[in-house]
Amino acid sequence: MPLYLRLTELLQVEYRLVANFPKQYKYSLGQDMIAMTWKMLDLFITAQTYPATKKQEKLENIQMINQQHDCLNLRIRFCGELKLISLKQQSRLNESSTEIGNMIGSWLKHV
């Protein structure tokens, strides 16, 4: 369950960061990032509940998690470009995101 823990940690950081976004970004870009992380958590839980006989469905779910992760990375980078987050905050988010990406990639290889 390390992936679950990393996703929940990322979600907590996102909530704290988005609370400080200007109003024009808080309810669009910020909420979009949070929604993507929630979607990854939901897909993770769904993938965990598939029985061993439903390998293809599990693989599709993990691929969807990976896709959401890629989209989230784009938004994190965009937040940095818009100066909504500091370089230090962006660096921490990127570190966390890299860990999550490595876990997803490893999971994809083992399914």
PDB file of N, CA and C in Angstrom:
ATOM      1  N   MET A   1       0.800  -1.212   0.000  1.00  0.00           N
ATOM      2  CA  MET A   1       0.000   0.000   0.000  1.00  0.00           C
ATOM      3  C   MET A   1       0.845   1.279   0.000  1.00  0.00           C
ATOM      4  N   PRO A   2       2.140   1.205  -0.329  1.00  0.00           N
ATOM      5  CA  PRO A   2       2.913   2.449  -0.356  1.00  0.00           C
ATOM      6  C   PRO A   2       2.381   3.460  -1.375  1.00  0.00           C
ATOM      7  N   LEU A   3       1.841   2.984  -2.491  1.00  0.00           N
ATOM      8  CA  LEU A   3       1.286   3.891  -3.486  1.00  0.00           C
ATOM      9  C   LEU A   3       0.101   4.654  -2.900  1.00  0.00           C
ATOM     10  N   TYR A   4      -0.742   3.965  -2.166  1.00  0.00           N
ATOM     11  CA  TYR A   4      -1.881   4.615  -1.518  1.00  0.00           C
ATOM     12  C   TYR A   4      -1.399   5.718  -0.576  1.00  0.00           C
ATOM     13  N   LEU A   5      -0.384   5.419   0.205  1.00  0.00           N
ATOM     14  CA  LEU A   5       0.145   6.402   1.154  1.00  0.00           C
ATOM     15  C   LEU A   5       0.719   7.614   0.427  1.00  0.00           C
ATOM     16  N   ARG A   6       1.461   7.380  -0.646  1.00  0.00           N
ATOM     17  CA  ARG A   6       2.049   8.485  -1.401  1.00  0.00           C
ATOM     18  C   ARG A   6       0.962   9.349  -2.054  1.00  0.00           C
ATOM     19  N   LEU A   7      -0.075   8.712  -2.550  1.00  0.00           N
ATOM     20  CA  LEU A   7      -1.168   9.474  -3.165  1.00  0.00           C
ATOM     21  C   LEU A   7      -1.908  10.316  -2.130  1.00  0.00           C
ATOM     22  N   THR A   8      -2.138   9.764  -0.944  1.00  0.00           N
ATOM     23  CA  THR A   8      -2.822  10.545   0.089  1.00  0.00           C
ATOM     24  C   THR A   8      -1.944  11.693   0.583  1.00  0.00           C
ATOM     25  N   GLU A   9      -0.629  11.463   0.669  1.00  0.00           N
ATOM     26  CA  GLU A   9       0.285  12.547   1.044  1.00  0.00           C
ATOM     27  C   GLU A   9       0.258  13.649  -0.011  1.00  0.00           C
ATOM     28  N   LEU A  10       0.281  13.254  -1.280  1.00  0.00           N
ATOM     29  CA  LEU A  10       0.217  14.224  -2.368  1.00  0.00           C
ATOM     30  C   LEU A  10      -1.083  15.014  -2.306  1.00  0.00           C
ATOM     31  N   LEU A  11      -2.154  14.346  -2.025  1.00  0.00           N
ATOM     32  CA  LEU A  11      -3.459  15.001  -1.924  1.00  0.00           C
ATOM     33  C   LEU A  11      -3.463  16.046  -0.810  1.00  0.00           C
ATOM     34  N   GLN A  12      -2.878  15.718   0.336  1.00  0.00           N
ATOM     35  CA  GLN A  12      -2.806  16.672   1.443  1.00  0.00           C
ATOM     36  C   GLN A  12      -2.004  17.914   1.053  1.00  0.00           C
ATOM     37  N   VAL A  13      -0.881  17.697   0.378  1.00  0.00           N
ATOM     38  CA  VAL A  13      -0.054  18.825  -0.067  1.00  0.00           C
ATOM     39  C   VAL A  13      -0.827  19.677  -1.067  1.00  0.00           C
ATOM     40  N   GLU A  14      -1.512  19.027  -1.988  1.00  0.00           N
ATOM     41  CA  GLU A  14      -2.286  19.769  -2.993  1.00  0.00           C
ATOM     42  C   GLU A  14      -3.349  20.633  -2.339  1.00  0.00           C
ATOM     43  N   TYR A  15      -4.074  20.086  -1.372  1.00  0.00           N
ATOM     44  CA  TYR A  15      -5.103  20.873  -0.696  1.00  0.00           C
ATOM     45  C   TYR A  15      -4.502  22.114  -0.051  1.00  0.00           C
ATOM     46  N   ARG A  16      -3.340  21.963   0.593  1.00  0.00           N
ATOM     47  CA  ARG A  16      -2.692  23.107   1.241  1.00  0.00           C
ATOM     48  C   ARG A  16      -2.230  24.136   0.209  1.00  0.00           C
ATOM     49  N   LEU A  17      -1.665  23.676  -0.888  1.00  0.00           N
ATOM     50  CA  LEU A  17      -1.180  24.596  -1.910  1.00  0.00           C
ATOM     51  C   LEU A  17      -2.323  25.316  -2.621  1.00  0.00           C
ATOM     52  N   VAL A  18      -3.336  24.561  -2.986  1.00  0.00           N
ATOM     53  CA  VAL A  18      -4.463  25.139  -3.734  1.00  0.00           C
ATOM     54  C   VAL A  18      -5.205  26.178  -2.894  1.00  0.00           C
ATOM     55  N   ALA A  19      -5.209  26.017  -1.587  1.00  0.00           N
ATOM     56  CA  ALA A  19      -5.869  26.992  -0.718  1.00  0.00           C
ATOM     57  C   ALA A  19      -5.248  28.381  -0.871  1.00  0.00           C
ATOM     58  N   ASN A  20      -3.988  28.442  -1.293  1.00  0.00           N
ATOM     59  CA  ASN A  20      -3.298  29.718  -1.455  1.00  0.00           C
ATOM     60  C   ASN A  20      -3.287  30.228  -2.893  1.00  0.00           C
ATOM     61  N   PHE A  21      -3.891  29.499  -3.802  1.00  0.00           N
ATOM     62  CA  PHE A  21      -3.965  29.951  -5.190  1.00  0.00           C
ATOM     63  C   PHE A  21      -4.882  31.169  -5.283  1.00  0.00           C
ATOM     64  N   PRO A  22      -4.617  32.059  -6.242  1.00  0.00           N
ATOM     65  CA  PRO A  22      -5.582  33.129  -6.520  1.00  0.00           C
ATOM     66  C   PRO A  22      -6.914  32.508  -6.951  1.00  0.00           C
ATOM     67  N   LYS A  23      -7.978  33.215  -6.686  1.00  0.00           N
ATOM     68  CA  LYS A  23      -9.329  32.699  -6.946  1.00  0.00           C
ATOM     69  C   LYS A  23      -9.505  32.200  -8.376  1.00  0.00           C
ATOM     70  N   GLN A  24      -8.931  32.885  -9.344  1.00  0.00           N
ATOM     71  CA  GLN A  24      -9.108  32.494 -10.745  1.00  0.00           C
ATOM     72  C   GLN A  24      -8.504  31.137 -11.062  1.00  0.00           C
ATOM     73  N   TYR A  25      -7.535  30.679 -10.258  1.00  0.00           N
ATOM     74  CA  TYR A  25      -6.903  29.380 -10.490  1.00  0.00           C
ATOM     75  C   TYR A  25      -7.354  28.323  -9.485  1.00  0.00           C
ATOM     76  N   LYS A  26      -7.797  28.784  -8.336  1.00  0.00           N
ATOM     77  CA  LYS A  26      -8.179  27.851  -7.267  1.00  0.00           C
ATOM     78  C   LYS A  26      -9.303  26.923  -7.707  1.00  0.00           C
ATOM     79  N   TYR A  27     -10.292  27.471  -8.391  1.00  0.00           N
ATOM     80  CA  TYR A  27     -11.475  26.683  -8.742  1.00  0.00           C
ATOM     81  C   TYR A  27     -11.419  26.096 -10.143  1.00  0.00           C
ATOM     82  N   SER A  28     -10.301  26.232 -10.804  1.00  0.00           N
ATOM     83  CA  SER A  28     -10.131  25.598 -12.114  1.00  0.00           C
ATOM     84  C   SER A  28      -8.917  24.678 -12.054  1.00  0.00           C
ATOM     85  N   LEU A  29      -7.750  25.229 -12.191  1.00  0.00           N
ATOM     86  CA  LEU A  29      -6.519  24.436 -12.198  1.00  0.00           C
ATOM     87  C   LEU A  29      -6.321  23.681 -10.879  1.00  0.00           C
ATOM     88  N   GLY A  30      -6.535  24.368  -9.763  1.00  0.00           N
ATOM     89  CA  GLY A  30      -6.344  23.738  -8.457  1.00  0.00           C
ATOM     90  C   GLY A  30      -7.297  22.577  -8.220  1.00  0.00           C
ATOM     91  N   GLN A  31      -8.566  22.798  -8.478  1.00  0.00           N
ATOM     92  CA  GLN A  31      -9.544  21.740  -8.279  1.00  0.00           C
ATOM     93  C   GLN A  31      -9.337  20.597  -9.263  1.00  0.00           C
ATOM     94  N   ASP A  32      -8.864  20.919 -10.443  1.00  0.00           N
ATOM     95  CA  ASP A  32      -8.572  19.897 -11.442  1.00  0.00           C
ATOM     96  C   ASP A  32      -7.459  18.971 -10.945  1.00  0.00           C
ATOM     97  N   MET A  33      -6.404  19.553 -10.373  1.00  0.00           N
ATOM     98  CA  MET A  33      -5.300  18.750  -9.837  1.00  0.00           C
ATOM     99  C   MET A  33      -5.788  17.833  -8.709  1.00  0.00           C
ATOM    100  N   ILE A  34      -6.566  18.389  -7.824  1.00  0.00           N
ATOM    101  CA  ILE A  34      -7.098  17.603  -6.703  1.00  0.00           C
ATOM    102  C   ILE A  34      -7.989  16.482  -7.225  1.00  0.00           C
ATOM    103  N   ALA A  35      -8.835  16.798  -8.200  1.00  0.00           N
ATOM    104  CA  ALA A  35      -9.731  15.784  -8.769  1.00  0.00           C
ATOM    105  C   ALA A  35      -8.943  14.657  -9.426  1.00  0.00           C
ATOM    106  N   MET A  36      -7.828  14.995 -10.080  1.00  0.00           N
ATOM    107  CA  MET A  36      -7.007  13.959 -10.723  1.00  0.00           C
ATOM    108  C   MET A  36      -6.390  13.028  -9.685  1.00  0.00           C
ATOM    109  N   THR A  37      -5.942  13.590  -8.595  1.00  0.00           N
ATOM    110  CA  THR A  37      -5.348  12.758  -7.545  1.00  0.00           C
ATOM    111  C   THR A  37      -6.408  11.872  -6.913  1.00  0.00           C
ATOM    112  N   TRP A  38      -7.604  12.411  -6.686  1.00  0.00           N
ATOM    113  CA  TRP A  38      -8.695  11.584  -6.170  1.00  0.00           C
ATOM    114  C   TRP A  38      -9.018  10.455  -7.147  1.00  0.00           C
ATOM    115  N   LYS A  39      -9.013  10.781  -8.445  1.00  0.00           N
ATOM    116  CA  LYS A  39      -9.297   9.771  -9.470  1.00  0.00           C
ATOM    117  C   LYS A  39      -8.242   8.666  -9.432  1.00  0.00           C
ATOM    118  N   MET A  40      -6.973   9.042  -9.250  1.00  0.00           N
ATOM    119  CA  MET A  40      -5.919   8.030  -9.153  1.00  0.00           C
ATOM    120  C   MET A  40      -6.140   7.148  -7.925  1.00  0.00           C
ATOM    121  N   LEU A  41      -6.543   7.745  -6.813  1.00  0.00           N
ATOM    122  CA  LEU A  41      -6.825   6.952  -5.610  1.00  0.00           C
ATOM    123  C   LEU A  41      -7.980   5.988  -5.846  1.00  0.00           C
ATOM    124  N   ASP A  42      -9.038   6.484  -6.474  1.00  0.00           N
ATOM    125  CA  ASP A  42     -10.195   5.631  -6.770  1.00  0.00           C
ATOM    126  C   ASP A  42      -9.815   4.473  -7.685  1.00  0.00           C
ATOM    127  N   LEU A  43      -9.039   4.776  -8.723  1.00  0.00           N
ATOM    128  CA  LEU A  43      -8.606   3.728  -9.641  1.00  0.00           C
ATOM    129  C   LEU A  43      -7.686   2.726  -8.951  1.00  0.00           C
ATOM    130  N   PHE A  44      -6.846   3.208  -8.047  1.00  0.00           N
ATOM    131  CA  PHE A  44      -5.965   2.326  -7.285  1.00  0.00           C
ATOM    132  C   PHE A  44      -6.787   1.334  -6.466  1.00  0.00           C
ATOM    133  N   ILE A  45      -7.776   1.838  -5.760  1.00  0.00           N
ATOM    134  CA  ILE A  45      -8.617   0.963  -4.928  1.00  0.00           C
ATOM    135  C   ILE A  45      -9.359  -0.040  -5.794  1.00  0.00           C
ATOM    136  N   THR A  46      -9.866   0.406  -6.931  1.00  0.00           N
ATOM    137  CA  THR A  46     -10.562  -0.494  -7.841  1.00  0.00           C
ATOM    138  C   THR A  46      -9.618  -1.580  -8.356  1.00  0.00           C
ATOM    139  N   ALA A  47      -8.417  -1.187  -8.755  1.00  0.00           N
ATOM    140  CA  ALA A  47      -7.444  -2.159  -9.276  1.00  0.00           C
ATOM    141  C   ALA A  47      -7.052  -3.164  -8.199  1.00  0.00           C
ATOM    142  N   GLN A  48      -6.986  -2.740  -6.967  1.00  0.00           N
ATOM    143  CA  GLN A  48      -6.610  -3.632  -5.869  1.00  0.00           C
ATOM    144  C   GLN A  48      -7.683  -4.693  -5.606  1.00  0.00           C
ATOM    145  N   THR A  49      -8.916  -4.388  -5.930  1.00  0.00           N
ATOM    146  CA  THR A  49     -10.006  -5.311  -5.619  1.00  0.00           C
ATOM    147  C   THR A  49     -10.272  -6.342  -6.707  1.00  0.00           C
ATOM    148  N   TYR A  50      -9.635  -6.178  -7.891  1.00  0.00           N
ATOM    149  CA  TYR A  50      -9.848  -7.161  -8.950  1.00  0.00           C
ATOM    150  C   TYR A  50      -9.236  -8.498  -8.556  1.00  0.00           C
ATOM    151  N   PRO A  51      -9.956  -9.586  -8.780  1.00  0.00           N
ATOM    152  CA  PRO A  51      -9.369 -10.906  -8.517  1.00  0.00           C
ATOM    153  C   PRO A  51      -8.299 -11.232  -9.556  1.00  0.00           C
ATOM    154  N   ALA A  52      -7.486 -12.200  -9.272  1.00  0.00           N
ATOM    155  CA  ALA A  52      -6.378 -12.585 -10.161  1.00  0.00           C
ATOM    156  C   ALA A  52      -6.868 -12.985 -11.556  1.00  0.00           C
ATOM    157  N   THR A  53      -8.129 -13.426 -11.659  1.00  0.00           N
ATOM    158  CA  THR A  53      -8.670 -13.865 -12.950  1.00  0.00           C
ATOM    159  C   THR A  53      -8.987 -12.690 -13.875  1.00  0.00           C
ATOM    160  N   LYS A  54      -9.025 -11.484 -13.356  1.00  0.00           N
ATOM    161  CA  LYS A  54      -9.366 -10.294 -14.164  1.00  0.00           C
ATOM    162  C   LYS A  54      -8.123  -9.440 -14.399  1.00  0.00           C
ATOM    163  N   LYS A  55      -7.091 -10.089 -14.918  1.00  0.00           N
ATOM    164  CA  LYS A  55      -5.810  -9.421 -15.150  1.00  0.00           C
ATOM    165  C   LYS A  55      -5.930  -8.267 -16.141  1.00  0.00           C
ATOM    166  N   GLN A  56      -6.692  -8.457 -17.208  1.00  0.00           N
ATOM    167  CA  GLN A  56      -6.820  -7.427 -18.241  1.00  0.00           C
ATOM    168  C   GLN A  56      -7.488  -6.169 -17.679  1.00  0.00           C
ATOM    169  N   GLU A  57      -8.549  -6.333 -16.889  1.00  0.00           N
ATOM    170  CA  GLU A  57      -9.233  -5.187 -16.297  1.00  0.00           C
ATOM    171  C   GLU A  57      -8.302  -4.442 -15.337  1.00  0.00           C
ATOM    172  N   LYS A  58      -7.535  -5.197 -14.580  1.00  0.00           N
ATOM    173  CA  LYS A  58      -6.592  -4.594 -13.644  1.00  0.00           C
ATOM    174  C   LYS A  58      -5.533  -3.800 -14.409  1.00  0.00           C
ATOM    175  N   LEU A  59      -5.025  -4.375 -15.477  1.00  0.00           N
ATOM    176  CA  LEU A  59      -4.023  -3.701 -16.296  1.00  0.00           C
ATOM    177  C   LEU A  59      -4.577  -2.399 -16.872  1.00  0.00           C
ATOM    178  N   GLU A  60      -5.800  -2.429 -17.361  1.00  0.00           N
ATOM    179  CA  GLU A  60      -6.430  -1.227 -17.907  1.00  0.00           C
ATOM    180  C   GLU A  60      -6.562  -0.151 -16.840  1.00  0.00           C
ATOM    181  N   ASN A  61      -6.926  -0.552 -15.627  1.00  0.00           N
ATOM    182  CA  ASN A  61      -7.047   0.397 -14.523  1.00  0.00           C
ATOM    183  C   ASN A  61      -5.702   1.032 -14.186  1.00  0.00           C
ATOM    184  N   ILE A  62      -4.670   0.223 -14.158  1.00  0.00           N
ATOM    185  CA  ILE A  62      -3.332   0.741 -13.848  1.00  0.00           C
ATOM    186  C   ILE A  62      -2.867   1.691 -14.945  1.00  0.00           C
ATOM    187  N   GLN A  63      -3.185   1.374 -16.193  1.00  0.00           N
ATOM    188  CA  GLN A  63      -2.843   2.266 -17.299  1.00  0.00           C
ATOM    189  C   GLN A  63      -3.590   3.594 -17.180  1.00  0.00           C
ATOM    190  N   MET A  64      -4.832   3.548 -16.706  1.00  0.00           N
ATOM    191  CA  MET A  64      -5.584   4.786 -16.493  1.00  0.00           C
ATOM    192  C   MET A  64      -4.961   5.603 -15.353  1.00  0.00           C
ATOM    193  N   ILE A  65      -4.469   4.929 -14.316  1.00  0.00           N
ATOM    194  CA  ILE A  65      -3.774   5.635 -13.237  1.00  0.00           C
ATOM    195  C   ILE A  65      -2.545   6.325 -13.809  1.00  0.00           C
ATOM    196  N   ASN A  66      -1.812   5.626 -14.641  1.00  0.00           N
ATOM    197  CA  ASN A  66      -0.614   6.183 -15.261  1.00  0.00           C
ATOM    198  C   ASN A  66      -0.946   7.399 -16.126  1.00  0.00           C
ATOM    199  N   GLN A  67      -2.028   7.327 -16.858  1.00  0.00           N
ATOM    200  CA  GLN A  67      -2.456   8.445 -17.703  1.00  0.00           C
ATOM    201  C   GLN A  67      -2.822   9.660 -16.843  1.00  0.00           C
ATOM    202  N   GLN A  68      -3.563   9.428 -15.763  1.00  0.00           N
ATOM    203  CA  GLN A  68      -3.923  10.513 -14.850  1.00  0.00           C
ATOM    204  C   GLN A  68      -2.664  11.146 -14.251  1.00  0.00           C
ATOM    205  N   HIS A  69      -1.705  10.292 -13.930  1.00  0.00           N
ATOM    206  CA  HIS A  69      -0.442  10.767 -13.364  1.00  0.00           C
ATOM    207  C   HIS A  69       0.286  11.676 -14.348  1.00  0.00           C
ATOM    208  N   ASP A  70       0.338  11.296 -15.608  1.00  0.00           N
ATOM    209  CA  ASP A  70       0.984  12.122 -16.635  1.00  0.00           C
ATOM    210  C   ASP A  70       0.288  13.480 -16.770  1.00  0.00           C
ATOM    211  N   CYS A  71      -1.034  13.463 -16.754  1.00  0.00           N
ATOM    212  CA  CYS A  71      -1.800  14.713 -16.850  1.00  0.00           C
ATOM    213  C   CYS A  71      -1.567  15.602 -15.628  1.00  0.00           C
ATOM    214  N   LEU A  72      -1.477  14.990 -14.468  1.00  0.00           N
ATOM    215  CA  LEU A  72      -1.209  15.744 -13.250  1.00  0.00           C
ATOM    216  C   LEU A  72       0.166  16.400 -13.312  1.00  0.00           C
ATOM    217  N   ASN A  73       1.150  15.685 -13.833  1.00  0.00           N
ATOM    218  CA  ASN A  73       2.492  16.255 -13.967  1.00  0.00           C
ATOM    219  C   ASN A  73       2.483  17.512 -14.832  1.00  0.00           C
ATOM    220  N   LEU A  74       1.694  17.506 -15.894  1.00  0.00           N
ATOM    221  CA  LEU A  74       1.582  18.690 -16.749  1.00  0.00           C
ATOM    222  C   LEU A  74       1.013  19.878 -15.981  1.00  0.00           C
ATOM    223  N   ARG A  75       0.036  19.630 -15.152  1.00  0.00           N
ATOM    224  CA  ARG A  75      -0.581  20.703 -14.378  1.00  0.00           C
ATOM    225  C   ARG A  75       0.364  21.238 -13.303  1.00  0.00           C
ATOM    226  N   ILE A  76       1.138  20.353 -12.703  1.00  0.00           N
ATOM    227  CA  ILE A  76       2.122  20.794 -11.714  1.00  0.00           C
ATOM    228  C   ILE A  76       3.137  21.725 -12.386  1.00  0.00           C
ATOM    229  N   ARG A  77       3.614  21.322 -13.553  1.00  0.00           N
ATOM    230  CA  ARG A  77       4.570  22.148 -14.291  1.00  0.00           C
ATOM    231  C   ARG A  77       3.944  23.497 -14.655  1.00  0.00           C
ATOM    232  N   PHE A  78       2.686  23.476 -15.063  1.00  0.00           N
ATOM    233  CA  PHE A  78       1.989  24.703 -15.434  1.00  0.00           C
ATOM    234  C   PHE A  78       1.845  25.630 -14.226  1.00  0.00           C
ATOM    235  N   CYS A  79       1.577  25.057 -13.057  1.00  0.00           N
ATOM    236  CA  CYS A  79       1.490  25.863 -11.829  1.00  0.00           C
ATOM    237  C   CYS A  79       2.816  26.570 -11.565  1.00  0.00           C
ATOM    238  N   GLY A  80       3.909  25.882 -11.810  1.00  0.00           N
ATOM    239  CA  GLY A  80       5.222  26.495 -11.642  1.00  0.00           C
ATOM    240  C   GLY A  80       5.450  27.614 -12.645  1.00  0.00           C
ATOM    241  N   GLU A  81       5.043  27.390 -13.883  1.00  0.00           N
ATOM    242  CA  GLU A  81       5.210  28.405 -14.925  1.00  0.00           C
ATOM    243  C   GLU A  81       4.393  29.657 -14.633  1.00  0.00           C
ATOM    244  N   LEU A  82       3.219  29.462 -14.029  1.00  0.00           N
ATOM    245  CA  LEU A  82       2.361  30.595 -13.676  1.00  0.00           C
ATOM    246  C   LEU A  82       2.765  31.234 -12.351  1.00  0.00           C
ATOM    247  N   LYS A  83       3.774  30.681 -11.705  1.00  0.00           N
ATOM    248  CA  LYS A  83       4.270  31.161 -10.410  1.00  0.00           C
ATOM    249  C   LYS A  83       3.210  31.042  -9.313  1.00  0.00           C
ATOM    250  N   LEU A  84       2.342  30.023  -9.436  1.00  0.00           N
ATOM    251  CA  LEU A  84       1.351  29.758  -8.395  1.00  0.00           C
ATOM    252  C   LEU A  84       1.994  29.021  -7.227  1.00  0.00           C
ATOM    253  N   ILE A  85       3.089  28.334  -7.510  1.00  0.00           N
ATOM    254  CA  ILE A  85       3.854  27.637  -6.488  1.00  0.00           C
ATOM    255  C   ILE A  85       5.323  28.035  -6.649  1.00  0.00           C
ATOM    256  N   SER A  86       6.037  27.991  -5.546  1.00  0.00           N
ATOM    257  CA  SER A  86       7.452  28.347  -5.591  1.00  0.00           C
ATOM    258  C   SER A  86       8.253  27.204  -6.224  1.00  0.00           C
ATOM    259  N   LEU A  87       9.502  27.483  -6.555  1.00  0.00           N
ATOM    260  CA  LEU A  87      10.371  26.443  -7.103  1.00  0.00           C
ATOM    261  C   LEU A  87      10.564  25.317  -6.095  1.00  0.00           C
ATOM    262  N   LYS A  88      10.660  25.672  -4.822  1.00  0.00           N
ATOM    263  CA  LYS A  88      10.823  24.669  -3.771  1.00  0.00           C
ATOM    264  C   LYS A  88       9.588  23.767  -3.691  1.00  0.00           C
ATOM    265  N   GLN A  89       8.407  24.362  -3.748  1.00  0.00           N
ATOM    266  CA  GLN A  89       7.167  23.584  -3.720  1.00  0.00           C
ATOM    267  C   GLN A  89       7.062  22.711  -4.967  1.00  0.00           C
ATOM    268  N   GLN A  90       7.416  23.265  -6.109  1.00  0.00           N
ATOM    269  CA  GLN A  90       7.368  22.488  -7.345  1.00  0.00           C
ATOM    270  C   GLN A  90       8.347  21.325  -7.277  1.00  0.00           C
ATOM    271  N   SER A  91       9.507  21.563  -6.715  1.00  0.00           N
ATOM    272  CA  SER A  91      10.506  20.507  -6.581  1.00  0.00           C
ATOM    273  C   SER A  91       9.986  19.379  -5.691  1.00  0.00           C
ATOM    274  N   ARG A  92       9.354  19.742  -4.575  1.00  0.00           N
ATOM    275  CA  ARG A  92       8.787  18.715  -3.682  1.00  0.00           C
ATOM    276  C   ARG A  92       7.686  17.930  -4.371  1.00  0.00           C
ATOM    277  N   LEU A  93       6.823  18.629  -5.084  1.00  0.00           N
ATOM    278  CA  LEU A  93       5.755  17.954  -5.825  1.00  0.00           C
ATOM    279  C   LEU A  93       6.331  17.026  -6.886  1.00  0.00           C
ATOM    280  N   ASN A  94       7.354  17.490  -7.582  1.00  0.00           N
ATOM    281  CA  ASN A  94       7.977  16.660  -8.612  1.00  0.00           C
ATOM    282  C   ASN A  94       8.632  15.422  -8.008  1.00  0.00           C
ATOM    283  N   GLU A  95       9.269  15.567  -6.853  1.00  0.00           N
ATOM    284  CA  GLU A  95       9.866  14.411  -6.169  1.00  0.00           C
ATOM    285  C   GLU A  95       8.799  13.382  -5.826  1.00  0.00           C
ATOM    286  N   SER A  96       7.726  13.870  -5.225  1.00  0.00           N
ATOM    287  CA  SER A  96       6.628  12.981  -4.845  1.00  0.00           C
ATOM    288  C   SER A  96       6.020  12.325  -6.077  1.00  0.00           C
ATOM    289  N   SER A  97       5.841  13.113  -7.117  1.00  0.00           N
ATOM    290  CA  SER A  97       5.253  12.602  -8.347  1.00  0.00           C
ATOM    291  C   SER A  97       6.159  11.562  -9.007  1.00  0.00           C
ATOM    292  N   THR A  98       7.460  11.775  -8.942  1.00  0.00           N
ATOM    293  CA  THR A  98       8.405  10.808  -9.503  1.00  0.00           C
ATOM    294  C   THR A  98       8.323   9.486  -8.764  1.00  0.00           C
ATOM    295  N   GLU A  99       8.237   9.547  -7.435  1.00  0.00           N
ATOM    296  CA  GLU A  99       8.082   8.322  -6.641  1.00  0.00           C
ATOM    297  C   GLU A  99       6.814   7.584  -7.040  1.00  0.00           C
ATOM    298  N   ILE A 100       5.732   8.323  -7.158  1.00  0.00           N
ATOM    299  CA  ILE A 100       4.453   7.726  -7.538  1.00  0.00           C
ATOM    300  C   ILE A 100       4.561   7.107  -8.930  1.00  0.00           C
ATOM    301  N   GLY A 101       5.185   7.819  -9.855  1.00  0.00           N
ATOM    302  CA  GLY A 101       5.362   7.305 -11.212  1.00  0.00           C
ATOM    303  C   GLY A 101       6.177   6.025 -11.247  1.00  0.00           C
ATOM    304  N   ASN A 102       7.217   5.968 -10.423  1.00  0.00           N
ATOM    305  CA  ASN A 102       8.028   4.749 -10.345  1.00  0.00           C
ATOM    306  C   ASN A 102       7.213   3.577  -9.810  1.00  0.00           C
ATOM    307  N   MET A 103       6.373   3.846  -8.825  1.00  0.00           N
ATOM    308  CA  MET A 103       5.531   2.785  -8.259  1.00  0.00           C
ATOM    309  C   MET A 103       4.522   2.285  -9.282  1.00  0.00           C
ATOM    310  N   ILE A 104       3.930   3.215 -10.015  1.00  0.00           N
ATOM    311  CA  ILE A 104       2.962   2.830 -11.050  1.00  0.00           C
ATOM    312  C   ILE A 104       3.665   2.012 -12.131  1.00  0.00           C
ATOM    313  N   GLY A 105       4.832   2.460 -12.565  1.00  0.00           N
ATOM    314  CA  GLY A 105       5.587   1.741 -13.597  1.00  0.00           C
ATOM    315  C   GLY A 105       5.957   0.336 -13.159  1.00  0.00           C
ATOM    316  N   SER A 106       6.371   0.196 -11.926  1.00  0.00           N
ATOM    317  CA  SER A 106       6.703  -1.114 -11.384  1.00  0.00           C
ATOM    318  C   SER A 106       5.471  -2.018 -11.341  1.00  0.00           C
ATOM    319  N   TRP A 107       4.359  -1.435 -10.952  1.00  0.00           N
ATOM    320  CA  TRP A 107       3.103  -2.187 -10.872  1.00  0.00           C
ATOM    321  C   TRP A 107       2.703  -2.657 -12.273  1.00  0.00           C
ATOM    322  N   LEU A 108       2.864  -1.785 -13.267  1.00  0.00           N
ATOM    323  CA  LEU A 108       2.534  -2.168 -14.649  1.00  0.00           C
ATOM    324  C   LEU A 108       3.372  -3.348 -15.126  1.00  0.00           C
ATOM    325  N   LYS A 109       4.640  -3.378 -14.753  1.00  0.00           N
ATOM    326  CA  LYS A 109       5.527  -4.455 -15.171  1.00  0.00           C
ATOM    327  C   LYS A 109       5.156  -5.791 -14.534  1.00  0.00           C
ATOM    328  N   HIS A 110       4.585  -5.744 -13.339  1.00  0.00           N
ATOM    329  CA  HIS A 110       4.321  -6.968 -12.593  1.00  0.00           C
ATOM    330  C   HIS A 110       2.912  -7.529 -12.767  1.00  0.00           C
ATOM    331  N   VAL A 111       2.111  -6.865 -13.571  1.00  0.00           N
ATOM    332  CA  VAL A 111       0.737  -7.368 -13.759  1.00  0.00           C
ATOM    333  C   VAL A 111       0.705  -8.376 -14.870  1.00  0.00           C
TER     334      VAL A 111
END
